[in-house]
Amino acid sequence: INMSDLLNTSGKEHCITAEYGLTALSVRNFEPIRRGTHCLYAETSRLWGSPPYDEAISFEENIDRVLQDMRDFLDVAREQRLDGYVLELPERGFAENIEILAHTFHRVLRALSDRDPAGEHCLDQPIEDLAWSFALGGDKIFVNTFAPFYPEGHSRYGFGSTPMWVMFQPRHSFRRV
């Protein structure tokens, strides 16, 4: 990576660039879902991928790494016309069945909400309200999951991919469709 790659279009220095995020291993690992889904926009979507899950550190430390990476993503997503952020978690211990996936999904969202740099802490808001949305850093985000246990034909089917996936789509990305 050269120095010009470390700068976003606003001239702010970032640890990880949009180009790195677009070519992350997690983006490549997400390809079976991207190619297999019935979503009309998936084929042309531009995705940023999470850093690899490090089993040598705690879940919370991994989430801290993801949070910094997501902040970098959100800083450049609008200008770079990025459509989503994919978080890859190993199936073992995180998505063996719906109960474990639900627990993991809540842990991810709760950890991000508790660390929200904008201080909104969306999971502390009334989520039953129809206007509620997940938010991070001031951006409203649509969130979805994919996992290997969902049957073929299910909208969250993993297309042979074994990890658990959490897909974060900033609401502004829907305005381009």
C-alpha atoms as a PDB file:
ATOM      1  CA  ILE A   1       0.000   0.000   0.000  1.00  0.00           C
ATOM      2  CA  ASN A   2       1.436   3.362  -0.938  1.00  0.00           C
ATOM      3  CA  MET A   3       0.869   6.592   1.001  1.00  0.00           C
ATOM      4  CA  SER A   4      -1.778   7.907  -1.412  1.00  0.00           C
ATOM      5  CA  ASP A   5      -3.820   4.762  -0.638  1.00  0.00           C
ATOM      6  CA  LEU A   6      -3.849   5.758   3.039  1.00  0.00           C
ATOM      7  CA  LEU A   7      -5.788   8.924   2.315  1.00  0.00           C
ATOM      8  CA  ASN A   8      -9.475   9.123   1.673  1.00  0.00           C
ATOM      9  CA  THR A   9     -10.935  11.740  -0.645  1.00  0.00           C
ATOM     10  CA  SER A  10     -11.179  14.200   2.250  1.00  0.00           C
ATOM     11  CA  GLY A  11      -7.439  13.953   2.856  1.00  0.00           C
ATOM     12  CA  LYS A  12      -7.825  12.317   6.286  1.00  0.00           C
ATOM     13  CA  GLU A  13      -5.322   9.598   7.074  1.00  0.00           C
ATOM     14  CA  HIS A  14      -6.794   6.154   7.765  1.00  0.00           C
ATOM     15  CA  CYS A  15      -5.221   2.961   9.058  1.00  0.00           C
ATOM     16  CA  ILE A  16      -7.163   0.894   6.519  1.00  0.00           C
ATOM     17  CA  THR A  17      -8.252   2.176   3.149  1.00  0.00           C
ATOM     18  CA  ALA A  18     -11.406   1.640   1.103  1.00  0.00           C
ATOM     19  CA  GLU A  19      -9.279  -0.303  -1.366  1.00  0.00           C
ATOM     20  CA  TYR A  20      -8.029  -2.615   1.383  1.00  0.00           C
ATOM     21  CA  GLY A  21     -11.563  -3.091   2.688  1.00  0.00           C
ATOM     22  CA  LEU A  22     -12.820  -3.876  -0.817  1.00  0.00           C
ATOM     23  CA  THR A  23     -10.196  -6.598  -1.217  1.00  0.00           C
ATOM     24  CA  ALA A  24     -10.344  -8.025   2.326  1.00  0.00           C
ATOM     25  CA  LEU A  25     -10.420 -11.794   2.702  1.00  0.00           C
ATOM     26  CA  SER A  26     -13.910 -11.535   4.209  1.00  0.00           C
ATOM     27  CA  VAL A  27     -15.202  -9.907   0.994  1.00  0.00           C
ATOM     28  CA  ARG A  28     -13.762 -12.773  -1.053  1.00  0.00           C
ATOM     29  CA  ASN A  29     -15.236 -15.312   1.387  1.00  0.00           C
ATOM     30  CA  PHE A  30     -18.661 -13.636   1.036  1.00  0.00           C
ATOM     31  CA  GLU A  31     -18.695 -14.206  -2.756  1.00  0.00           C
ATOM     32  CA  PRO A  32     -20.827 -17.397  -2.703  1.00  0.00           C
ATOM     33  CA  ILE A  33     -23.612 -15.448  -0.991  1.00  0.00           C
ATOM     34  CA  ARG A  34     -23.194 -12.411  -3.210  1.00  0.00           C
ATOM     35  CA  ARG A  35     -23.321 -14.570  -6.358  1.00  0.00           C
ATOM     36  CA  GLY A  36     -26.128 -16.828  -5.111  1.00  0.00           C
ATOM     37  CA  THR A  37     -28.570 -14.378  -3.560  1.00  0.00           C
ATOM     38  CA  HIS A  38     -31.713 -13.270  -5.345  1.00  0.00           C
ATOM     39  CA  CYS A  39     -30.968  -9.633  -4.496  1.00  0.00           C
ATOM     40  CA  LEU A  40     -30.969  -7.715  -7.771  1.00  0.00           C
ATOM     41  CA  TYR A  41     -28.264  -5.314  -6.577  1.00  0.00           C
ATOM     42  CA  ALA A  42     -25.814  -7.803  -5.057  1.00  0.00           C
ATOM     43  CA  GLU A  43     -23.835  -8.425  -8.241  1.00  0.00           C
ATOM     44  CA  THR A  44     -22.790  -4.780  -8.614  1.00  0.00           C
ATOM     45  CA  SER A  45     -22.503  -3.997  -4.901  1.00  0.00           C
ATOM     46  CA  ARG A  46     -19.250  -2.678  -3.486  1.00  0.00           C
ATOM     47  CA  LEU A  47     -18.504  -4.270  -0.146  1.00  0.00           C
ATOM     48  CA  TRP A  48     -15.962  -3.569   2.567  1.00  0.00           C
ATOM     49  CA  GLY A  49     -14.840  -6.553   4.621  1.00  0.00           C
ATOM     50  CA  SER A  50     -14.052  -6.986   8.280  1.00  0.00           C
ATOM     51  CA  PRO A  51     -10.640  -7.940   9.589  1.00  0.00           C
ATOM     52  CA  PRO A  52     -10.269 -11.691  10.191  1.00  0.00           C
ATOM     53  CA  TYR A  53     -11.634 -12.916  13.515  1.00  0.00           C
ATOM     54  CA  ASP A  54      -8.677 -13.528  15.817  1.00  0.00           C
ATOM     55  CA  GLU A  55      -9.338 -16.500  18.104  1.00  0.00           C
ATOM     56  CA  ALA A  56      -6.269 -15.568  20.187  1.00  0.00           C
ATOM     57  CA  ILE A  57      -8.088 -12.512  21.591  1.00  0.00           C
ATOM     58  CA  SER A  58     -11.485 -12.046  23.224  1.00  0.00           C
ATOM     59  CA  PHE A  59     -14.770 -11.415  21.462  1.00  0.00           C
ATOM     60  CA  GLU A  60     -14.751  -7.862  22.856  1.00  0.00           C
ATOM     61  CA  GLU A  61     -11.235  -7.209  21.531  1.00  0.00           C
ATOM     62  CA  ASN A  62     -12.325  -8.486  18.120  1.00  0.00           C
ATOM     63  CA  ILE A  63     -15.320  -6.146  18.239  1.00  0.00           C
ATOM     64  CA  ASP A  64     -12.979  -3.248  19.057  1.00  0.00           C
ATOM     65  CA  ARG A  65     -11.033  -4.083  15.866  1.00  0.00           C
ATOM     66  CA  VAL A  66     -14.286  -4.298  13.894  1.00  0.00           C
ATOM     67  CA  LEU A  67     -15.502  -0.997  15.322  1.00  0.00           C
ATOM     68  CA  GLN A  68     -12.383   0.860  14.157  1.00  0.00           C
ATOM     69  CA  ASP A  69     -12.677  -0.776  10.741  1.00  0.00           C
ATOM     70  CA  MET A  70     -16.386   0.085  10.505  1.00  0.00           C
ATOM     71  CA  ARG A  71     -15.614   3.687  11.461  1.00  0.00           C
ATOM     72  CA  ASP A  72     -13.128   3.821   8.570  1.00  0.00           C
ATOM     73  CA  PHE A  73     -15.778   2.277   6.296  1.00  0.00           C
ATOM     74  CA  LEU A  74     -18.469   4.746   7.376  1.00  0.00           C
ATOM     75  CA  ASP A  75     -16.042   7.672   6.918  1.00  0.00           C
ATOM     76  CA  VAL A  76     -15.615   6.874   3.223  1.00  0.00           C
ATOM     77  CA  ALA A  77     -18.730   4.852   2.287  1.00  0.00           C
ATOM     78  CA  ARG A  78     -20.786   7.735   0.906  1.00  0.00           C
ATOM     79  CA  GLU A  79     -17.967   9.292  -1.142  1.00  0.00           C
ATOM     80  CA  GLN A  80     -16.644   5.933  -2.356  1.00  0.00           C
ATOM     81  CA  ARG A  81     -20.172   4.646  -3.116  1.00  0.00           C
ATOM     82  CA  LEU A  82     -19.740   1.593  -0.889  1.00  0.00           C
ATOM     83  CA  ASP A  83     -22.858  -0.475  -0.333  1.00  0.00           C
ATOM     84  CA  GLY A  84     -22.120  -2.586   2.695  1.00  0.00           C
ATOM     85  CA  TYR A  85     -19.813  -3.924   5.360  1.00  0.00           C
ATOM     86  CA  VAL A  86     -19.543  -7.682   5.847  1.00  0.00           C
ATOM     87  CA  LEU A  87     -18.539  -9.090   9.214  1.00  0.00           C
ATOM     88  CA  GLU A  88     -17.321 -12.685   9.102  1.00  0.00           C
ATOM     89  CA  LEU A  89     -17.484 -14.803  12.270  1.00  0.00           C
ATOM     90  CA  PRO A  90     -16.483 -18.477  12.477  1.00  0.00           C
ATOM     91  CA  GLU A  91     -19.448 -20.875  12.510  1.00  0.00           C
ATOM     92  CA  ARG A  92     -18.072 -22.784  15.497  1.00  0.00           C
ATOM     93  CA  GLY A  93     -19.312 -21.094  18.631  1.00  0.00           C
ATOM     94  CA  PHE A  94     -21.225 -18.362  16.808  1.00  0.00           C
ATOM     95  CA  ALA A  95     -23.761 -19.867  14.393  1.00  0.00           C
ATOM     96  CA  GLU A  96     -24.317 -23.590  14.829  1.00  0.00           C
ATOM     97  CA  ASN A  97     -28.090 -23.056  15.102  1.00  0.00           C
ATOM     98  CA  ILE A  98     -30.652 -20.246  15.303  1.00  0.00           C
ATOM     99  CA  GLU A  99     -30.399 -19.880  19.086  1.00  0.00           C
ATOM    100  CA  ILE A 100     -26.621 -19.463  19.026  1.00  0.00           C
ATOM    101  CA  LEU A 101     -26.826 -17.113  16.017  1.00  0.00           C
ATOM    102  CA  ALA A 102     -29.436 -14.966  17.801  1.00  0.00           C
ATOM    103  CA  HIS A 103     -27.209 -14.754  20.877  1.00  0.00           C
ATOM    104  CA  THR A 104     -24.154 -13.874  18.752  1.00  0.00           C
ATOM    105  CA  PHE A 105     -26.100 -11.325  16.713  1.00  0.00           C
ATOM    106  CA  HIS A 106     -27.271  -9.619  19.899  1.00  0.00           C
ATOM    107  CA  ARG A 107     -23.717  -9.637  21.298  1.00  0.00           C
ATOM    108  CA  VAL A 108     -22.378  -7.991  18.114  1.00  0.00           C
ATOM    109  CA  LEU A 109     -25.066  -5.319  17.974  1.00  0.00           C
ATOM    110  CA  ARG A 110     -24.912  -4.659  21.725  1.00  0.00           C
ATOM    111  CA  ALA A 111     -21.108  -4.340  21.695  1.00  0.00           C
ATOM    112  CA  LEU A 112     -21.195  -1.929  18.741  1.00  0.00           C
ATOM    113  CA  SER A 113     -24.066   0.078  20.231  1.00  0.00           C
ATOM    114  CA  ASP A 114     -22.274   0.356  23.572  1.00  0.00           C
ATOM    115  CA  ARG A 115     -19.151   1.614  21.762  1.00  0.00           C
ATOM    116  CA  ASP A 116     -21.015   3.966  19.383  1.00  0.00           C
ATOM    117  CA  PRO A 117     -18.699   6.940  18.769  1.00  0.00           C
ATOM    118  CA  ALA A 118     -21.729   9.199  18.241  1.00  0.00           C
ATOM    119  CA  GLY A 119     -23.076   8.230  21.670  1.00  0.00           C
ATOM    120  CA  GLU A 120     -26.514   7.296  20.314  1.00  0.00           C
ATOM    121  CA  HIS A 121     -26.430   3.771  21.801  1.00  0.00           C
ATOM    122  CA  CYS A 122     -29.319   2.646  19.614  1.00  0.00           C
ATOM    123  CA  LEU A 123     -29.965  -0.601  21.490  1.00  0.00           C
ATOM    124  CA  ASP A 124     -30.900   1.459  24.520  1.00  0.00           C
ATOM    125  CA  GLN A 125     -33.695   3.077  22.473  1.00  0.00           C
ATOM    126  CA  PRO A 126     -37.192   1.538  22.152  1.00  0.00           C
ATOM    127  CA  ILE A 127     -36.578  -1.015  19.377  1.00  0.00           C
ATOM    128  CA  GLU A 128     -40.304  -1.800  19.131  1.00  0.00           C
ATOM    129  CA  ASP A 129     -40.802   1.686  17.658  1.00  0.00           C
ATOM    130  CA  LEU A 130     -41.356   1.406  13.895  1.00  0.00           C
ATOM    131  CA  ALA A 131     -38.936   4.289  13.338  1.00  0.00           C
ATOM    132  CA  TRP A 132     -36.106   2.483  15.179  1.00  0.00           C
ATOM    133  CA  SER A 133     -33.004   1.516  13.237  1.00  0.00           C
ATOM    134  CA  PHE A 134     -29.571   0.265  14.128  1.00  0.00           C
ATOM    135  CA  ALA A 135     -27.155   3.194  14.056  1.00  0.00           C
ATOM    136  CA  LEU A 136     -23.432   3.663  14.442  1.00  0.00           C
ATOM    137  CA  GLY A 137     -21.409   6.845  14.230  1.00  0.00           C
ATOM    138  CA  GLY A 138     -24.527   8.807  13.293  1.00  0.00           C
ATOM    139  CA  ASP A 139     -25.365   6.557  10.309  1.00  0.00           C
ATOM    140  CA  LYS A 140     -28.608   4.564  10.164  1.00  0.00           C
ATOM    141  CA  ILE A 141     -27.810   1.019   9.062  1.00  0.00           C
ATOM    142  CA  PHE A 142     -29.874  -1.927   7.802  1.00  0.00           C
ATOM    143  CA  VAL A 143     -28.502  -5.172   9.286  1.00  0.00           C
ATOM    144  CA  ASN A 144     -28.947  -8.741   8.046  1.00  0.00           C
ATOM    145  CA  THR A 145     -27.422 -12.142   8.817  1.00  0.00           C
ATOM    146  CA  PHE A 146     -26.488 -15.217   6.799  1.00  0.00           C
ATOM    147  CA  ALA A 147     -25.521 -18.608   8.213  1.00  0.00           C
ATOM    148  CA  PRO A 148     -24.808 -22.160   7.055  1.00  0.00           C
ATOM    149  CA  PHE A 149     -27.766 -23.789   8.860  1.00  0.00           C
ATOM    150  CA  TYR A 150     -30.444 -21.927   6.889  1.00  0.00           C
ATOM    151  CA  PRO A 151     -32.018 -24.198   4.255  1.00  0.00           C
ATOM    152  CA  GLU A 152     -31.589 -23.640   0.534  1.00  0.00           C
ATOM    153  CA  GLY A 153     -34.289 -21.247  -0.675  1.00  0.00           C
ATOM    154  CA  HIS A 154     -34.220 -19.232   2.580  1.00  0.00           C
ATOM    155  CA  SER A 155     -33.280 -15.570   2.128  1.00  0.00           C
ATOM    156  CA  ARG A 156     -30.458 -16.019   4.696  1.00  0.00           C
ATOM    157  CA  TYR A 157     -29.064 -19.199   3.142  1.00  0.00           C
ATOM    158  CA  GLY A 158     -25.236 -19.318   3.147  1.00  0.00           C
ATOM    159  CA  PHE A 159     -24.717 -20.926  -0.306  1.00  0.00           C
ATOM    160  CA  GLY A 160     -22.122 -23.332   1.074  1.00  0.00           C
ATOM    161  CA  SER A 161     -20.296 -20.647   3.055  1.00  0.00           C
ATOM    162  CA  THR A 162     -19.554 -21.890   6.580  1.00  0.00           C
ATOM    163  CA  PRO A 163     -19.075 -18.652   8.588  1.00  0.00           C
ATOM    164  CA  MET A 164     -21.763 -16.532  10.164  1.00  0.00           C
ATOM    165  CA  TRP A 165     -22.144 -13.249   8.318  1.00  0.00           C
ATOM    166  CA  VAL A 166     -23.504  -9.938   9.525  1.00  0.00           C
ATOM    167  CA  MET A 167     -24.170  -7.553   6.649  1.00  0.00           C
ATOM    168  CA  PHE A 168     -24.363  -3.837   7.503  1.00  0.00           C
ATOM    169  CA  GLN A 169     -25.867  -1.595   4.805  1.00  0.00           C
ATOM    170  CA  PRO A 170     -25.873   2.151   5.455  1.00  0.00           C
ATOM    171  CA  ARG A 171     -29.274   3.565   4.591  1.00  0.00           C
ATOM    172  CA  HIS A 172     -27.703   6.049   2.164  1.00  0.00           C
ATOM    173  CA  SER A 173     -26.638   3.148  -0.070  1.00  0.00           C
ATOM    174  CA  PHE A 174     -30.311   2.406  -0.843  1.00  0.00           C
ATOM    175  CA  ARG A 175     -30.708   5.838  -2.424  1.00  0.00           C
ATOM    176  CA  ARG A 176     -28.456   4.800  -5.325  1.00  0.00           C
ATOM    177  CA  VAL A 177     -30.652   1.935  -6.503  1.00  0.00           C
END
